[in-house]
C-alpha atoms as a PDB file:
ATOM      1  CA  MET A   1     100.974 147.566 106.292  1.00  0.00           C
ATOM      2  CA  ILE A   2      97.363 146.581 105.489  1.00  0.00           C
ATOM      3  CA  GLY A   3      95.171 145.474 108.322  1.00  0.00           C
ATOM      4  CA  ARG A   4      91.835 143.759 108.368  1.00  0.00           C
ATOM      5  CA  LEU A   5      89.375 143.682 105.490  1.00  0.00           C
ATOM      6  CA  ASN A   6      86.935 146.511 106.154  1.00  0.00           C
ATOM      7  CA  HIS A   7      84.446 145.869 103.342  1.00  0.00           C
ATOM      8  CA  ILE A   8      83.812 144.674  99.819  1.00  0.00           C
ATOM      9  CA  ALA A   9      81.901 147.177  97.684  1.00  0.00           C
ATOM     10  CA  ILE A  10      79.359 146.050  95.108  1.00  0.00           C
ATOM     11  CA  ALA A  11      77.935 148.463  92.531  1.00  0.00           C
ATOM     12  CA  VAL A  12      74.212 147.821  92.045  1.00  0.00           C
ATOM     13  CA  PRO A  13      71.816 148.976  89.316  1.00  0.00           C
ATOM     14  CA  ASP A  14      68.757 148.930  91.631  1.00  0.00           C
ATOM     15  CA  LEU A  15      69.445 149.850  95.241  1.00  0.00           C
ATOM     16  CA  ASP A  16      65.978 149.015  96.580  1.00  0.00           C
ATOM     17  CA  ALA A  17      65.991 145.570  94.957  1.00  0.00           C
ATOM     18  CA  SER A  18      69.477 144.869  96.313  1.00  0.00           C
ATOM     19  CA  ILE A  19      68.502 145.931  99.834  1.00  0.00           C
ATOM     20  CA  LYS A  20      65.451 143.670  99.659  1.00  0.00           C
ATOM     21  CA  GLN A  21      67.541 140.754  98.376  1.00  0.00           C
ATOM     22  CA  TYR A  22      70.085 141.033 101.200  1.00  0.00           C
ATOM     23  CA  LYS A  23      67.393 141.522 103.882  1.00  0.00           C
ATOM     24  CA  GLU A  24      64.781 139.024 102.773  1.00  0.00           C
ATOM     25  CA  THR A  25      66.616 136.429 100.703  1.00  0.00           C
ATOM     26  CA  LEU A  26      69.917 136.336 102.596  1.00  0.00           C
ATOM     27  CA  GLY A  27      68.612 137.437 106.014  1.00  0.00           C
ATOM     28  CA  ALA A  28      71.334 140.062 106.481  1.00  0.00           C
ATOM     29  CA  ILE A  29      71.374 143.095 108.753  1.00  0.00           C
ATOM     30  CA  VAL A  30      71.145 146.028 106.353  1.00  0.00           C
ATOM     31  CA  GLY A  31      71.773 149.651 107.298  1.00  0.00           C
ATOM     32  CA  ASP A  32      70.019 152.723 105.965  1.00  0.00           C
ATOM     33  CA  PRO A  33      71.062 154.356 102.691  1.00  0.00           C
ATOM     34  CA  GLN A  34      73.378 157.315 103.107  1.00  0.00           C
ATOM     35  CA  ASP A  35      74.282 159.815 100.411  1.00  0.00           C
ATOM     36  CA  GLU A  36      77.970 160.581 100.005  1.00  0.00           C
ATOM     37  CA  PRO A  37      78.003 163.619  97.679  1.00  0.00           C
ATOM     38  CA  ASN A  38      81.813 163.999  97.844  1.00  0.00           C
ATOM     39  CA  HIS A  39      82.126 160.536  96.290  1.00  0.00           C
ATOM     40  CA  GLY A  40      79.044 160.673  94.038  1.00  0.00           C
ATOM     41  CA  VAL A  41      77.397 157.615  95.577  1.00  0.00           C
ATOM     42  CA  THR A  42      74.638 156.433  97.835  1.00  0.00           C
ATOM     43  CA  VAL A  43      75.903 153.646 100.086  1.00  0.00           C
ATOM     44  CA  VAL A  44      74.244 150.981 102.180  1.00  0.00           C
ATOM     45  CA  PHE A  45      76.276 148.835 104.558  1.00  0.00           C
ATOM     46  CA  ILE A  46      75.443 145.214 105.255  1.00  0.00           C
ATOM     47  CA  ASN A  47      76.965 144.034 108.516  1.00  0.00           C
ATOM     48  CA  LEU A  48      78.440 140.551 108.615  1.00  0.00           C
ATOM     49  CA  PRO A  49      80.138 138.873 111.579  1.00  0.00           C
ATOM     50  CA  ASN A  50      83.616 139.301 110.076  1.00  0.00           C
ATOM     51  CA  THR A  51      83.318 142.320 107.707  1.00  0.00           C
ATOM     52  CA  LYS A  52      80.829 144.458 105.770  1.00  0.00           C
ATOM     53  CA  ILE A  53      79.411 144.587 102.265  1.00  0.00           C
ATOM     54  CA  GLU A  54      78.921 148.077 100.848  1.00  0.00           C
ATOM     55  CA  LEU A  55      76.247 148.514  98.196  1.00  0.00           C
ATOM     56  CA  LEU A  56      77.086 151.426  95.866  1.00  0.00           C
ATOM     57  CA  TYR A  57      74.514 153.260  93.809  1.00  0.00           C
ATOM     58  CA  PRO A  58      75.093 156.354  91.633  1.00  0.00           C
ATOM     59  CA  LEU A  59      74.317 159.723  93.211  1.00  0.00           C
ATOM     60  CA  GLY A  60      73.952 162.240  90.415  1.00  0.00           C
ATOM     61  CA  LYS A  61      74.861 162.055  86.749  1.00  0.00           C
ATOM     62  CA  ASN A  62      78.621 162.457  87.347  1.00  0.00           C
ATOM     63  CA  SER A  63      78.902 159.481  89.682  1.00  0.00           C
ATOM     64  CA  PRO A  64      81.890 157.186  89.032  1.00  0.00           C
ATOM     65  CA  ILE A  65      79.488 154.287  89.569  1.00  0.00           C
ATOM     66  CA  THR A  66      77.496 155.297  86.481  1.00  0.00           C
ATOM     67  CA  ASN A  67      80.430 154.404  84.202  1.00  0.00           C
ATOM     68  CA  PHE A  68      80.966 151.131  86.054  1.00  0.00           C
ATOM     69  CA  LEU A  69      77.307 150.165  85.631  1.00  0.00           C
ATOM     70  CA  GLU A  70      77.371 151.084  81.931  1.00  0.00           C
ATOM     71  CA  LYS A  71      80.152 148.509  81.476  1.00  0.00           C
ATOM     72  CA  ASN A  72      78.564 146.053  83.957  1.00  0.00           C
ATOM     73  CA  PRO A  73      74.766 146.507  83.713  1.00  0.00           C
ATOM     74  CA  SER A  74      74.048 143.782  86.289  1.00  0.00           C
ATOM     75  CA  GLY A  75      76.465 145.386  88.768  1.00  0.00           C
ATOM     76  CA  GLY A  76      79.439 143.696  90.346  1.00  0.00           C
ATOM     77  CA  ILE A  77      82.346 143.979  92.752  1.00  0.00           C
ATOM     78  CA  HIS A  78      83.674 147.519  92.546  1.00  0.00           C
ATOM     79  CA  HIS A  79      86.460 147.609  95.144  1.00  0.00           C
ATOM     80  CA  ILE A  80      87.951 146.045  98.256  1.00  0.00           C
ATOM     81  CA  CYS A  81      88.693 148.169 101.329  1.00  0.00           C
ATOM     82  CA  TYR A  82      91.535 147.422 103.736  1.00  0.00           C
ATOM     83  CA  GLU A  83      92.282 149.222 106.967  1.00  0.00           C
ATOM     84  CA  VAL A  84      95.627 150.912 107.632  1.00  0.00           C
ATOM     85  CA  SER A  85      96.824 152.411 110.895  1.00  0.00           C
ATOM     86  CA  ASN A  86      98.181 155.620 109.331  1.00  0.00           C
ATOM     87  CA  ILE A  87      96.908 156.587 105.906  1.00  0.00           C
ATOM     88  CA  ILE A  88      99.625 159.192 105.209  1.00  0.00           C
ATOM     89  CA  LYS A  89     102.441 156.743 106.028  1.00  0.00           C
ATOM     90  CA  ALA A  90     100.722 154.084 103.925  1.00  0.00           C
ATOM     91  CA  ARG A  91     100.329 156.529 101.014  1.00  0.00           C
ATOM     92  CA  ASP A  92     103.952 157.622 101.178  1.00  0.00           C
ATOM     93  CA  LYS A  93     105.220 154.028 101.284  1.00  0.00           C
ATOM     94  CA  LEU A  94     103.008 153.035  98.364  1.00  0.00           C
ATOM     95  CA  ILE A  95     104.175 155.991  96.273  1.00  0.00           C
ATOM     96  CA  SER A  96     107.813 155.139  97.076  1.00  0.00           C
ATOM     97  CA  GLU A  97     107.112 151.592  95.809  1.00  0.00           C
ATOM     98  CA  GLY A  98     105.670 152.953  92.547  1.00  0.00           C
ATOM     99  CA  ALA A  99     101.946 152.601  93.284  1.00  0.00           C
ATOM    100  CA  ARG A 100      99.583 155.226  91.923  1.00  0.00           C
ATOM    101  CA  ILE A 101      97.070 156.956  94.172  1.00  0.00           C
ATOM    102  CA  LEU A 102      93.864 158.051  92.440  1.00  0.00           C
ATOM    103  CA  GLY A 103      92.706 161.650  92.600  1.00  0.00           C
ATOM    104  CA  SER A 104      94.851 164.332  94.174  1.00  0.00           C
ATOM    105  CA  GLY A 105      96.687 161.879  96.430  1.00  0.00           C
ATOM    106  CA  GLU A 106      95.205 163.534  99.494  1.00  0.00           C
ATOM    107  CA  PRO A 107      92.799 161.501 101.640  1.00  0.00           C
ATOM    108  CA  LYS A 108      89.081 162.267 101.495  1.00  0.00           C
ATOM    109  CA  ILE A 109      86.597 161.507 104.235  1.00  0.00           C
ATOM    110  CA  GLY A 110      84.755 158.275 103.445  1.00  0.00           C
ATOM    111  CA  ALA A 111      81.369 156.863 104.407  1.00  0.00           C
ATOM    112  CA  HIS A 112      82.574 155.900 107.900  1.00  0.00           C
ATOM    113  CA  GLY A 113      83.774 159.459 108.589  1.00  0.00           C
ATOM    114  CA  LEU A 114      87.427 158.346 108.288  1.00  0.00           C
ATOM    115  CA  PRO A 115      90.167 159.259 105.782  1.00  0.00           C
ATOM    116  CA  VAL A 116      90.304 157.095 102.638  1.00  0.00           C
ATOM    117  CA  LEU A 117      92.449 156.768  99.504  1.00  0.00           C
ATOM    118  CA  PHE A 118      92.019 154.672  96.381  1.00  0.00           C
ATOM    119  CA  LEU A 119      94.842 152.819  94.625  1.00  0.00           C
ATOM    120  CA  HIS A 120      94.986 152.429  90.859  1.00  0.00           C
ATOM    121  CA  PRO A 121      93.649 149.002  89.849  1.00  0.00           C
ATOM    122  CA  LYS A 122      96.357 148.522  87.202  1.00  0.00           C
ATOM    123  CA  ASP A 123      98.907 148.423  90.026  1.00  0.00           C
ATOM    124  CA  PHE A 124      96.998 145.730  91.964  1.00  0.00           C
ATOM    125  CA  ASN A 125      96.010 142.932  89.574  1.00  0.00           C
ATOM    126  CA  GLY A 126      93.036 144.844  88.175  1.00  0.00           C
ATOM    127  CA  CYS A 127      91.488 145.384  91.615  1.00  0.00           C
ATOM    128  CA  LEU A 128      90.507 148.857  92.804  1.00  0.00           C
ATOM    129  CA  ILE A 129      91.672 149.085  96.413  1.00  0.00           C
ATOM    130  CA  GLU A 130      90.428 151.522  99.011  1.00  0.00           C
ATOM    131  CA  LEU A 131      92.511 152.185 102.106  1.00  0.00           C
ATOM    132  CA  GLU A 132      90.716 153.463 105.200  1.00  0.00           C
ATOM    133  CA  GLU A 133      92.493 154.748 108.278  1.00  0.00           C
ATOM    134  CA  ALA A 134      91.395 152.538 111.157  1.00  0.00           C
ATOM    135  CA  THR A 135      90.220 154.065 114.383  1.00  0.00           C
ATOM    136  CA  LYS A 136      92.425 153.406 117.356  1.00  0.00           C
END
């Protein structure tokens, strides 16, 4: 069911410092910050030859990243995103297998303009998983 790894998301306490570190220290191609108010985050994508890294920074006081950074002040890996060909079929199969979908269970539009869902980390070895419907 899951396809290729789309990205690994890292929550960061200082977005500007993280951008600088990836650009200057690691020599990566870093995109521009984009606010995602529906998800309460500002994201920056770092393009790698085989996948992407997504830097996550809180957008507003109710951001889910704020709680993560309170528990992990230095930041850290927040989630892993896999592509699926049909997000509704994937959701329905996962639910039938006993997996829990976070939120309402309905896909939201993610940072790439595509439908996404998040799976409960307790069902996947403590790892928060994002599923993103792949473009055809």
